[in-house]
Amino acid sequence: MDLLVSPSAEALARLLAPVTFLFCCVPVLWMVVVKPRVKSTTSFLSEVKGRLKTRWDLFTYPITANGRIRAAYAQMNGKALRMHSPESWMTLVSSPELIKDIKTATNDQLSLHAAAKEILKPGYTMNGFNWHDQRGIEGIGFVRTLRTLLTNHLPQLTPGVRGIIDRTFAQEVGSGGTVNVLTLSKKVVTKISAYSFFGLDYAENNEFIDAAYYYNEDVLYGSELLRLVPGFLVPVVGAFIPMFLKRQRTFFYGLVDIIEGRMNNPDPTVKYNDVIQWIIDTSPKSNPWTPPRMAFEVMAIWFGSVQGLATTLTFAIYSLCENPEYIAPLREEMESSAGGEFFVQGEGLPLMDSFLKECSRWTPVESVTARRCALKDFIFSDGTRVAKGEWVGIPIGPMLRDASMYPQPDVFDGFRFVDPKILRGLGQKSTQPEGPSKFTDVSETWHVWGTGKLTCPGRFFVSYVMKHVMYHILDNYDLEMDTNRKNTVHWRTLTLPSPGVKAKLTARV
């Protein structure tokens, strides 16, 4: 009883010994057994969370890409930045030094062809055309065709182009009405392009033009479907796509017939000056192309020419409706000697040229340009490494809204790029620090046309067609948007016209 009431030190020690032992062992057990497991569990959960976020980012990429690219550019400060896209990791660069690395890369280092092949899936969506990853293996006659031959021939196209525009607007608009701007743009661009590609006879062939009109849409929808399905299903789904592309076959075999007719039964009394003839003339001589191979080349050029041109023209018409204060000075320029010079030379109209350039800055079709796939490991001059199979690109979208390059970037300034001498005559001041520039220029701040050896060779044709169509609209109609709805939608890195957006065109009195 006394022991229980007043224990001795020895008894107390014997009583506390097990407790002390356990107290000392708990930290050891925590460090040796429990903590690693907790850490392992935390690490596992963190890894799972990271993978789920990556999957979610890739799943939502089609509707979040533009915002993600803007956010990435805000972090770059001239440095390279690596971001994930469904196709591959992509390294974005914006500084002149790193962009120069893309410009000077050899064809076997960085490839536009390989990137385009991954996006468009031409083996399934372009009637089986599966081009090489590396540029130049089979010749690049199309570059000379578009950059030199077509550009030099533009003034000779003017009478035919004016006639096509007059007839198309008479059919689609008449004396005035409400029109779907994108549909109108696509129709007039398709017919003008057909005239320059195949000649006036085929530009008036309704079945052929209808197939050419829908060809681009078929490629876009087919490739987009294949990009959305899991990779292992691409060959399965891709095998069925050609079954639904009957118009594409009409277009392809129509091209083959034109080419075979010109090659096998040439008419010595007729000299053709159009893209399809120049492709025939500039195709490789050491390993001659067959008519189907030439037709594939024309189809690839057609896709690149028509789709982007129609979309860019649509955005320019939107901008004209939304900024009517530019209508009067543009009409004054058209009525001056500059208008006559444009019809003779196929270029000019500096006010309209600047307006079109500002439209492209304001609403660029692509937010990433100079997209290339690395055919081998590539190292930028700052040490940034790009693994084989990964992509590089220039975030042109946010760059066009960078105040360090374009003062007051969130203000639409249609005459931003005009020569200050011309602006003084209008009572305005130039805002661009580097001075005047043209819509078709390529510079350290203007990469809309790409960069380096692969700048768009058809950009002079694009400018020419847009000016003629805008000239016709300004000369014959007053215009305004028919609704106040949002004009554009974002999909992946593209900005596209919203479906069904209309404008009201009223014949001028």
Protein backbone atom coordinates (compact mmCIF):
# COMPACT_ATOMS: atom_id res chain seq x y z
CA MET A 1 0.00 0.00 0.00
CA ASP A 2 2.82 2.40 0.81
CA LEU A 3 4.47 1.44 -2.47
CA LEU A 4 1.40 2.46 -4.37
CA VAL A 5 1.05 5.69 -2.45
CA SER A 6 4.69 6.70 -2.42
CA PRO A 7 6.77 4.69 -4.92
CA SER A 8 10.52 4.61 -4.74
CA ALA A 9 12.72 5.98 -7.54
CA GLU A 10 13.66 2.44 -8.56
CA ALA A 11 10.03 1.38 -8.78
CA LEU A 12 9.17 4.53 -10.71
CA ALA A 13 11.98 3.86 -13.12
CA ARG A 14 10.76 0.31 -13.69
CA LEU A 15 7.25 1.69 -14.27
CA LEU A 16 8.34 4.36 -16.78
CA ALA A 17 10.90 2.29 -18.67
CA PRO A 18 8.44 0.89 -21.26
CA VAL A 19 6.90 4.32 -21.78
CA THR A 20 10.32 5.91 -22.23
CA PHE A 21 11.30 3.22 -24.70
CA LEU A 22 8.16 3.77 -26.75
CA PHE A 23 8.59 7.56 -26.59
CA CYS A 24 12.12 7.23 -27.97
CA CYS A 25 11.10 4.74 -30.63
CA VAL A 26 8.23 6.80 -32.05
CA PRO A 27 10.48 9.39 -33.78
CA VAL A 28 12.70 6.63 -35.08
CA LEU A 29 9.72 4.68 -36.40
CA TRP A 30 8.34 7.89 -37.96
CA MET A 31 11.62 8.64 -39.71
CA VAL A 32 12.27 5.07 -40.84
CA VAL A 33 8.81 3.72 -41.69
CA VAL A 34 5.98 6.24 -41.69
CA LYS A 35 7.57 9.36 -43.19
CA PRO A 36 8.90 7.67 -46.35
CA ARG A 37 5.48 6.17 -46.96
CA VAL A 38 3.77 9.53 -46.44
CA LYS A 39 6.33 11.16 -48.70
CA SER A 40 5.89 8.40 -51.26
CA THR A 41 2.11 8.83 -51.12
CA THR A 42 2.43 12.61 -51.43
CA SER A 43 4.82 12.23 -54.35
CA PHE A 44 2.50 9.72 -55.99
CA LEU A 45 -0.52 11.98 -55.57
CA SER A 46 1.48 14.92 -56.90
CA GLU A 47 2.55 12.88 -59.92
CA VAL A 48 -1.01 11.77 -60.58
CA LYS A 49 -2.21 15.36 -60.26
CA GLY A 50 0.45 16.50 -62.73
CA ARG A 51 -0.49 13.83 -65.24
CA LEU A 52 -4.18 14.62 -64.94
CA LYS A 53 -3.45 18.33 -65.47
CA THR A 54 -1.39 17.53 -68.56
CA ARG A 55 -4.18 15.35 -69.93
CA TRP A 56 -6.73 18.06 -69.20
CA ASP A 57 -4.57 20.74 -70.82
CA LEU A 58 -4.22 18.62 -73.96
CA PHE A 59 -7.93 17.79 -73.96
CA THR A 60 -8.91 21.47 -73.71
CA TYR A 61 -6.10 22.67 -76.01
CA PRO A 62 -8.38 23.29 -79.04
CA ILE A 63 -10.34 25.95 -77.13
CA THR A 64 -7.58 27.27 -74.84
CA ALA A 65 -4.55 27.37 -77.15
CA ASN A 66 -4.74 31.08 -77.99
CA GLY A 67 -5.01 32.07 -74.34
CA ARG A 68 -2.17 29.75 -73.35
CA ILE A 69 0.07 31.21 -76.05
CA ARG A 70 -0.67 34.75 -74.86
CA ALA A 71 0.15 33.70 -71.30
CA ALA A 72 3.35 32.02 -72.45
CA TYR A 73 4.47 35.11 -74.36
CA ALA A 74 3.92 37.28 -71.26
CA GLN A 75 6.47 35.09 -69.44
CA MET A 76 9.08 34.87 -72.19
CA ASN A 77 10.84 38.27 -72.06
CA GLY A 78 12.79 37.35 -75.17
CA LYS A 79 13.71 33.87 -73.93
CA ALA A 80 12.62 30.55 -75.37
CA LEU A 81 9.69 28.82 -73.68
CA ARG A 82 8.63 25.19 -74.02
CA MET A 83 4.93 24.33 -73.95
CA HIS A 84 2.92 21.18 -74.56
CA SER A 85 0.62 20.77 -77.55
CA PRO A 86 -1.29 17.68 -78.72
CA GLU A 87 1.18 17.04 -81.52
CA SER A 88 4.39 17.54 -79.57
CA TRP A 89 6.30 19.75 -77.19
CA MET A 90 6.73 23.13 -78.88
CA THR A 91 9.49 25.66 -78.18
CA LEU A 92 8.32 29.24 -78.76
CA VAL A 93 10.86 31.97 -79.57
CA SER A 94 10.34 35.70 -80.10
CA SER A 95 13.73 37.44 -80.01
CA PRO A 96 15.42 38.40 -83.31
CA GLU A 97 18.43 36.23 -82.44
CA LEU A 98 16.42 33.06 -81.86
CA ILE A 99 14.14 33.72 -84.83
CA LYS A 100 17.28 34.02 -86.96
CA ASP A 101 18.18 30.49 -85.85
CA ILE A 102 14.94 29.26 -87.40
CA LYS A 103 15.63 31.27 -90.56
CA THR A 104 19.09 29.81 -91.04
CA ALA A 105 18.30 26.21 -90.07
CA THR A 106 18.91 23.73 -92.88
CA ASN A 107 16.14 21.67 -94.47
CA ASP A 108 17.28 18.52 -92.68
CA GLN A 109 17.18 20.27 -89.28
CA LEU A 110 13.81 22.06 -89.08
CA SER A 111 10.96 21.17 -91.43
CA LEU A 112 7.73 22.99 -92.24
CA HIS A 113 6.69 20.04 -94.40
CA ALA A 114 6.88 17.58 -91.51
CA ALA A 115 4.82 19.85 -89.25
CA ALA A 116 2.18 20.42 -91.95
CA LYS A 117 2.08 16.69 -92.62
CA GLU A 118 1.34 15.99 -88.96
CA ILE A 119 -1.45 18.59 -88.89
CA LEU A 120 -3.17 17.90 -92.23
CA LYS A 121 -2.68 14.11 -92.48
CA PRO A 122 -2.51 14.39 -96.29
CA GLY A 123 -2.29 10.64 -96.82
CA TYR A 124 -5.90 10.44 -95.62
CA THR A 125 -7.30 13.90 -96.40
CA MET A 126 -5.65 14.88 -99.71
CA ASN A 127 -6.54 11.94 -101.92
CA GLY A 128 -3.54 9.93 -100.73
CA PHE A 129 -0.86 12.59 -101.24
CA ASN A 130 1.87 11.86 -98.68
CA TRP A 131 4.70 14.34 -99.17
CA HIS A 132 8.25 14.04 -97.87
CA ASP A 133 9.15 15.44 -94.46
CA GLN A 134 12.17 17.26 -95.87
CA ARG A 135 11.74 20.16 -98.26
CA GLY A 136 13.44 20.03 -101.65
CA ILE A 137 13.75 16.25 -102.09
CA GLU A 138 11.51 16.34 -105.18
CA GLY A 139 12.19 19.93 -106.20
CA ILE A 140 10.47 23.16 -105.17
CA GLY A 141 9.23 24.58 -108.47
CA PHE A 142 6.11 25.89 -106.77
CA VAL A 143 8.20 28.56 -105.00
CA ARG A 144 9.35 30.06 -108.31
CA THR A 145 5.85 29.58 -109.69
CA LEU A 146 4.19 31.66 -106.98
CA ARG A 147 6.91 34.11 -105.97
CA THR A 148 8.20 35.01 -109.42
CA LEU A 149 6.03 33.84 -112.30
CA LEU A 150 2.62 34.52 -110.75
CA THR A 151 3.73 37.81 -109.19
CA ASN A 152 5.11 39.09 -112.50
CA HIS A 153 1.91 38.05 -114.26
CA LEU A 154 -0.49 39.87 -111.91
CA PRO A 155 -1.01 42.99 -114.08
CA GLN A 156 -2.06 40.78 -117.01
CA LEU A 157 -4.68 39.09 -114.80
CA THR A 158 -6.47 42.34 -113.95
CA PRO A 159 -9.13 42.44 -116.72
CA GLY A 160 -10.17 38.85 -116.01
CA VAL A 161 -10.09 39.37 -112.24
CA ARG A 162 -12.26 42.49 -112.50
CA GLY A 163 -14.77 40.58 -114.60
CA ILE A 164 -14.94 37.70 -112.10
CA ILE A 165 -15.48 40.10 -109.18
CA ASP A 166 -18.21 41.99 -111.06
CA ARG A 167 -20.09 38.78 -111.96
CA THR A 168 -19.73 37.21 -108.51
CA PHE A 169 -21.03 40.28 -106.67
CA ALA A 170 -23.86 40.66 -109.19
CA GLN A 171 -24.91 37.07 -108.47
CA GLU A 172 -24.42 37.09 -104.69
CA VAL A 173 -25.24 40.69 -103.73
CA GLY A 174 -26.89 42.37 -106.70
CA SER A 175 -27.99 45.91 -105.91
CA GLY A 176 -27.59 45.24 -102.20
CA GLY A 177 -28.59 42.96 -99.38
CA THR A 178 -27.44 41.04 -96.34
CA VAL A 179 -24.72 38.49 -97.07
CA ASN A 180 -22.66 35.94 -95.19
CA VAL A 181 -19.24 37.58 -95.43
CA LEU A 182 -17.18 34.38 -95.27
CA THR A 183 -19.29 32.65 -97.92
CA LEU A 184 -19.00 35.66 -100.23
CA SER A 185 -15.24 35.86 -99.68
CA LYS A 186 -14.74 32.17 -100.38
CA LYS A 187 -16.74 32.27 -103.58
CA VAL A 188 -14.96 35.25 -105.09
CA VAL A 189 -11.52 34.06 -103.93
CA THR A 190 -12.14 30.54 -105.30
CA LYS A 191 -13.07 31.89 -108.73
CA ILE A 192 -10.15 34.34 -108.91
CA SER A 193 -7.72 31.65 -107.77
CA ALA A 194 -9.15 29.19 -110.32
CA TYR A 195 -8.61 31.78 -113.05
CA SER A 196 -4.97 32.30 -112.06
CA PHE A 197 -4.37 28.56 -111.53
CA PHE A 198 -6.22 26.95 -114.46
CA GLY A 199 -7.38 29.67 -116.84
CA LEU A 200 -10.72 31.34 -117.46
CA ASP A 201 -12.40 28.29 -119.04
CA TYR A 202 -12.10 26.23 -115.87
CA ALA A 203 -12.95 29.21 -113.67
CA GLU A 204 -16.40 29.09 -115.29
CA ASN A 205 -16.79 25.27 -115.01
CA ASN A 206 -19.37 25.00 -112.22
CA GLU A 207 -18.80 21.33 -111.30
CA PHE A 208 -15.04 21.74 -111.17
CA ILE A 209 -15.23 25.02 -109.22
CA ASP A 210 -17.73 23.51 -106.79
CA ALA A 211 -15.29 20.67 -106.07
CA ALA A 212 -12.42 23.15 -105.68
CA TYR A 213 -14.56 25.31 -103.38
CA TYR A 214 -15.29 22.48 -100.95
CA TYR A 215 -11.90 20.79 -101.21
CA ASN A 216 -10.33 22.99 -98.53
CA GLU A 217 -13.19 22.38 -96.10
CA ASP A 218 -12.96 18.62 -96.65
CA VAL A 219 -9.24 18.68 -95.84
CA LEU A 220 -9.74 20.79 -92.72
CA TYR A 221 -12.63 18.76 -91.33
CA GLY A 222 -10.98 15.45 -92.14
CA SER A 223 -7.64 16.38 -90.58
CA GLU A 224 -9.35 17.83 -87.51
CA LEU A 225 -11.28 14.60 -86.98
CA LEU A 226 -8.03 12.62 -87.15
CA ARG A 227 -6.35 14.97 -84.67
CA LEU A 228 -9.17 14.43 -82.19
CA VAL A 229 -9.22 10.62 -82.23
CA PRO A 230 -6.61 8.56 -80.29
CA GLY A 231 -3.43 7.90 -82.25
CA PHE A 232 -3.99 4.16 -82.58
CA LEU A 233 -7.35 4.82 -84.28
CA VAL A 234 -5.98 7.24 -86.89
CA PRO A 235 -5.27 4.54 -89.53
CA VAL A 236 -8.70 2.99 -88.96
CA VAL A 237 -10.67 6.25 -89.12
CA GLY A 238 -8.40 7.58 -91.86
CA ALA A 239 -9.19 4.60 -94.07
CA PHE A 240 -12.87 5.62 -94.12
CA ILE A 241 -12.39 9.35 -94.74
CA PRO A 242 -11.74 9.09 -98.52
CA MET A 243 -15.15 7.41 -98.89
CA PHE A 244 -16.76 10.76 -98.04
CA LEU A 245 -14.53 12.92 -100.25
CA LYS A 246 -16.20 12.52 -103.65
CA ARG A 247 -15.76 16.21 -104.50
CA GLN A 248 -12.06 15.87 -103.79
CA ARG A 249 -11.79 13.11 -106.37
CA THR A 250 -13.63 15.31 -108.86
CA PHE A 251 -11.08 18.05 -108.24
CA PHE A 252 -8.10 15.67 -108.45
CA TYR A 253 -9.13 13.94 -111.67
CA GLY A 254 -10.10 17.28 -113.18
CA LEU A 255 -6.55 18.49 -112.55
CA VAL A 256 -5.08 15.30 -114.01
CA ASP A 257 -7.17 15.78 -117.17
CA ILE A 258 -5.92 19.37 -117.56
CA ILE A 259 -2.29 18.33 -117.10
CA GLU A 260 -2.48 15.31 -119.40
CA GLY A 261 -4.21 17.37 -122.06
CA ARG A 262 -1.47 20.00 -122.01
CA MET A 263 1.38 17.48 -121.89
CA ASN A 264 0.09 14.93 -124.40
CA ASN A 265 -1.75 17.16 -126.86
CA PRO A 266 -0.15 20.60 -126.71
CA ASP A 267 -1.71 23.27 -128.89
CA PRO A 268 1.15 25.23 -130.50
CA THR A 269 -1.16 28.18 -131.13
CA VAL A 270 -2.00 28.59 -127.43
CA LYS A 271 0.41 29.84 -124.78
CA TYR A 272 -0.81 29.18 -121.24
CA ASN A 273 0.14 31.59 -118.47
CA ASP A 274 -1.26 30.05 -115.32
CA VAL A 275 -0.07 28.20 -112.24
CA ILE A 276 -0.77 24.70 -113.54
CA GLN A 277 1.33 25.35 -116.66
CA TRP A 278 4.18 26.78 -114.60
CA ILE A 279 4.11 23.69 -112.37
CA ILE A 280 4.43 21.56 -115.52
CA ASP A 281 7.32 23.71 -116.77
CA THR A 282 9.24 23.84 -113.46
CA SER A 283 8.75 20.23 -112.35
CA PRO A 284 11.98 18.18 -111.97
CA LYS A 285 13.56 17.15 -115.27
CA SER A 286 15.93 14.47 -113.94
CA ASN A 287 13.09 12.53 -112.32
CA PRO A 288 9.97 13.77 -114.12
CA TRP A 289 6.69 13.99 -112.25
CA THR A 290 3.65 12.13 -113.50
CA PRO A 291 0.39 14.07 -114.10
CA PRO A 292 -1.09 12.73 -110.81
CA ARG A 293 2.04 13.88 -108.94
CA MET A 294 1.70 17.34 -110.46
CA ALA A 295 -1.99 17.37 -109.56
CA PHE A 296 -1.07 16.66 -105.94
CA GLU A 297 1.34 19.60 -105.98
CA VAL A 298 -1.36 21.90 -107.34
CA MET A 299 -3.82 20.68 -104.68
CA ALA A 300 -1.33 21.44 -101.91
CA ILE A 301 -0.69 24.96 -103.27
CA TRP A 302 -4.42 25.49 -103.77
CA PHE A 303 -5.12 24.65 -100.14
CA GLY A 304 -2.49 27.09 -98.89
CA SER A 305 -3.61 29.85 -101.25
CA VAL A 306 -7.39 29.84 -101.01
CA GLN A 307 -8.18 29.06 -97.38
CA GLY A 308 -5.98 31.69 -95.76
CA LEU A 309 -6.81 34.33 -98.38
CA ALA A 310 -10.58 33.94 -97.95
CA THR A 311 -10.31 34.14 -94.16
CA THR A 312 -8.02 37.19 -94.23
CA LEU A 313 -10.33 38.95 -96.70
CA THR A 314 -13.30 38.22 -94.42
CA PHE A 315 -11.55 39.85 -91.47
CA ALA A 316 -10.70 42.89 -93.61
CA ILE A 317 -14.37 43.34 -94.52
CA TYR A 318 -15.30 43.02 -90.83
CA SER A 319 -12.75 45.72 -89.96
CA LEU A 320 -14.07 48.04 -92.67
CA CYS A 321 -17.61 47.66 -91.30
CA GLU A 322 -16.44 48.31 -87.74
CA ASN A 323 -14.25 51.29 -88.66
CA PRO A 324 -16.30 53.28 -91.21
CA GLU A 325 -14.16 56.40 -90.73
CA TYR A 326 -11.65 54.83 -93.15
CA ILE A 327 -14.14 54.54 -96.01
CA ALA A 328 -13.88 58.16 -97.21
CA PRO A 329 -10.05 58.41 -97.36
CA LEU A 330 -9.81 55.00 -99.02
CA ARG A 331 -12.30 56.08 -101.69
CA GLU A 332 -10.40 59.32 -102.24
CA GLU A 333 -7.23 57.32 -102.83
CA MET A 334 -9.03 55.06 -105.30
CA GLU A 335 -10.30 58.08 -107.23
CA SER A 336 -6.82 59.64 -107.39
CA SER A 337 -4.01 58.71 -109.77
CA ALA A 338 -3.05 55.92 -107.33
CA GLY A 339 -6.18 54.02 -108.37
CA GLY A 340 -5.23 54.07 -112.03
CA GLU A 341 -1.66 53.06 -111.26
CA PHE A 342 -2.92 50.07 -109.29
CA PHE A 343 -4.92 48.77 -112.25
CA VAL A 344 -1.88 49.10 -114.52
CA GLN A 345 0.85 47.83 -112.19
CA GLY A 346 -1.07 45.40 -109.98
CA GLU A 347 0.29 47.01 -106.81
CA GLY A 348 0.13 50.29 -104.94
CA LEU A 349 -2.69 52.07 -103.05
CA PRO A 350 -0.59 52.80 -99.92
CA LEU A 351 -3.57 53.73 -97.73
CA MET A 352 -5.43 50.53 -98.57
CA ASP A 353 -2.20 48.55 -98.22
CA SER A 354 -1.72 49.87 -94.68
CA PHE A 355 -5.38 49.23 -93.86
CA LEU A 356 -5.07 45.59 -94.93
CA LYS A 357 -1.87 45.20 -92.95
CA GLU A 358 -3.52 46.61 -89.83
CA CYS A 359 -6.46 44.23 -90.36
CA SER A 360 -3.99 41.33 -90.30
CA ARG A 361 -2.33 42.71 -87.18
CA TRP A 362 -5.70 43.24 -85.51
CA THR A 363 -7.07 39.78 -86.33
CA PRO A 364 -4.27 37.40 -87.33
CA VAL A 365 -5.47 34.06 -88.66
CA GLU A 366 -2.65 32.21 -86.86
CA SER A 367 -1.24 32.85 -83.40
CA VAL A 368 1.86 30.73 -84.13
CA THR A 369 3.87 31.09 -87.32
CA ALA A 370 7.12 29.60 -88.66
CA ARG A 371 6.01 26.27 -87.22
CA ARG A 372 8.72 23.66 -87.81
CA CYS A 373 9.35 20.06 -86.77
CA ALA A 374 12.89 19.08 -85.77
CA LEU A 375 14.11 16.25 -88.01
CA LYS A 376 17.12 15.89 -85.72
CA ASP A 377 18.11 17.35 -82.35
CA PHE A 378 18.40 21.13 -82.73
CA ILE A 379 20.16 23.68 -80.50
CA PHE A 380 19.32 27.40 -80.55
CA SER A 381 22.13 29.94 -80.22
CA ASP A 382 21.25 30.51 -76.54
CA GLY A 383 21.68 26.80 -75.77
CA THR A 384 17.97 25.88 -75.81
CA ARG A 385 17.65 22.29 -76.99
CA VAL A 386 14.86 20.90 -79.15
CA ALA A 387 14.67 17.13 -79.36
CA LYS A 388 14.04 15.31 -82.63
CA GLY A 389 10.30 15.23 -83.31
CA GLU A 390 9.53 18.34 -81.24
CA TRP A 391 8.34 21.60 -82.77
CA VAL A 392 9.40 25.24 -82.77
CA GLY A 393 7.36 28.34 -83.60
CA ILE A 394 6.97 32.12 -83.27
CA PRO A 395 4.03 33.36 -81.13
CA ILE A 396 2.95 35.92 -83.71
CA GLY A 397 -0.50 36.52 -82.18
CA PRO A 398 0.64 38.14 -78.92
CA MET A 399 3.64 39.74 -80.65
CA LEU A 400 1.25 41.75 -82.83
CA ARG A 401 -0.27 43.20 -79.65
CA ASP A 402 3.10 44.03 -78.04
CA ALA A 403 3.36 47.76 -77.25
CA SER A 404 7.14 47.68 -77.69
CA MET A 405 6.59 46.85 -81.38
CA TYR A 406 3.24 48.50 -82.08
CA PRO A 407 2.42 51.69 -80.12
CA GLN A 408 -1.13 51.64 -78.75
CA PRO A 409 -1.55 48.02 -79.84
CA ASP A 410 -5.16 47.80 -78.65
CA VAL A 411 -6.24 50.66 -80.92
CA PHE A 412 -7.13 49.90 -84.54
CA ASP A 413 -5.00 52.33 -86.58
CA GLY A 414 -5.67 51.65 -90.23
CA PHE A 415 -2.95 54.02 -91.46
CA ARG A 416 -0.34 52.90 -88.94
CA PHE A 417 2.08 51.77 -91.69
CA VAL A 418 1.67 54.68 -94.14
CA ASP A 419 4.53 56.98 -95.14
CA PRO A 420 4.49 60.06 -92.80
CA LYS A 421 4.56 62.35 -95.86
CA ILE A 422 1.24 60.93 -97.05
CA LEU A 423 -0.23 61.09 -93.55
CA ARG A 424 0.65 64.76 -93.18
CA GLY A 425 -1.55 65.44 -96.18
CA LEU A 426 -4.40 63.79 -94.27
CA GLY A 427 -3.66 65.77 -91.12
CA GLN A 428 -2.46 62.65 -89.29
CA LYS A 429 0.78 61.51 -87.68
CA SER A 430 2.65 58.24 -88.06
CA THR A 431 2.70 55.97 -85.00
CA GLN A 432 5.17 53.29 -86.08
CA PRO A 433 8.71 54.13 -84.94
CA GLU A 434 10.40 52.13 -87.73
CA GLY A 435 8.60 54.10 -90.44
CA PRO A 436 6.39 52.99 -93.34
CA SER A 437 6.10 49.39 -94.46
CA LYS A 438 4.07 47.26 -96.86
CA PHE A 439 1.53 44.52 -96.29
CA THR A 440 3.80 42.04 -98.10
CA ASP A 441 6.96 42.95 -96.16
CA VAL A 442 8.80 40.51 -93.90
CA SER A 443 10.71 42.00 -90.96
CA GLU A 444 11.86 41.34 -87.40
CA THR A 445 8.44 42.42 -86.12
CA TRP A 446 6.22 41.23 -88.99
CA HIS A 447 6.20 37.45 -89.30
CA VAL A 448 2.65 37.05 -90.60
CA TRP A 449 4.07 35.55 -93.80
CA GLY A 450 6.51 33.26 -92.03
CA THR A 451 10.26 33.71 -91.88
CA GLY A 452 13.47 32.89 -93.72
CA LYS A 453 13.49 30.81 -96.89
CA LEU A 454 9.91 29.69 -96.30
CA THR A 455 8.12 33.03 -96.27
CA CYS A 456 4.82 32.74 -98.13
CA PRO A 457 5.67 32.94 -101.86
CA GLY A 458 2.05 33.79 -102.69
CA ARG A 459 1.77 36.87 -100.46
CA PHE A 460 1.86 39.28 -103.43
CA PHE A 461 -1.09 37.44 -104.97
CA VAL A 462 -2.93 37.67 -101.64
CA SER A 463 -2.39 41.44 -101.48
CA TYR A 464 -3.41 41.85 -105.13
CA VAL A 465 -6.68 39.93 -104.76
CA MET A 466 -7.66 41.59 -101.48
CA LYS A 467 -7.12 45.06 -102.92
CA HIS A 468 -9.23 44.31 -105.98
CA VAL A 469 -12.12 42.92 -103.91
CA MET A 470 -11.97 45.78 -101.39
CA TYR A 471 -11.79 48.26 -104.28
CA HIS A 472 -14.99 46.80 -105.75
CA ILE A 473 -16.81 46.91 -102.40
CA LEU A 474 -15.79 50.51 -101.68
CA ASP A 475 -16.61 51.62 -105.21
CA ASN A 476 -20.06 50.05 -105.33
CA TYR A 477 -21.44 49.67 -101.81
CA ASP A 478 -21.87 51.21 -98.40
CA LEU A 479 -21.54 48.54 -95.75
CA GLU A 480 -22.13 47.78 -92.09
CA MET A 481 -22.34 44.73 -89.87
CA ASP A 482 -25.80 43.18 -89.77
CA THR A 483 -25.51 42.08 -86.12
CA ASN A 484 -23.52 42.95 -83.02
CA ARG A 485 -22.49 39.34 -82.37
CA LYS A 486 -18.87 38.30 -81.88
CA ASN A 487 -17.22 37.99 -85.27
CA THR A 488 -14.53 35.44 -84.48
CA VAL A 489 -13.93 32.13 -82.74
CA HIS A 490 -10.68 30.54 -81.60
CA TRP A 491 -9.82 26.94 -82.41
CA ARG A 492 -6.36 25.60 -81.58
CA THR A 493 -3.95 28.33 -82.70
CA LEU A 494 -6.37 29.65 -85.34
CA THR A 495 -8.73 32.61 -85.29
CA LEU A 496 -11.68 31.94 -87.59
CA PRO A 497 -14.82 33.84 -88.65
CA SER A 498 -17.82 32.95 -86.53
CA PRO A 499 -20.40 30.94 -88.49
CA GLY A 500 -23.22 32.96 -89.96
CA VAL A 501 -21.79 36.46 -89.43
CA LYS A 502 -23.39 38.78 -91.99
CA ALA A 503 -22.89 42.28 -93.34
CA LYS A 504 -25.36 44.60 -95.00
CA LEU A 505 -24.21 45.95 -98.36
CA THR A 506 -26.20 48.81 -99.87
CA ALA A 507 -25.61 49.97 -103.43
CA ARG A 508 -24.14 53.47 -103.62
CA VAL A 509 -26.32 56.09 -105.23
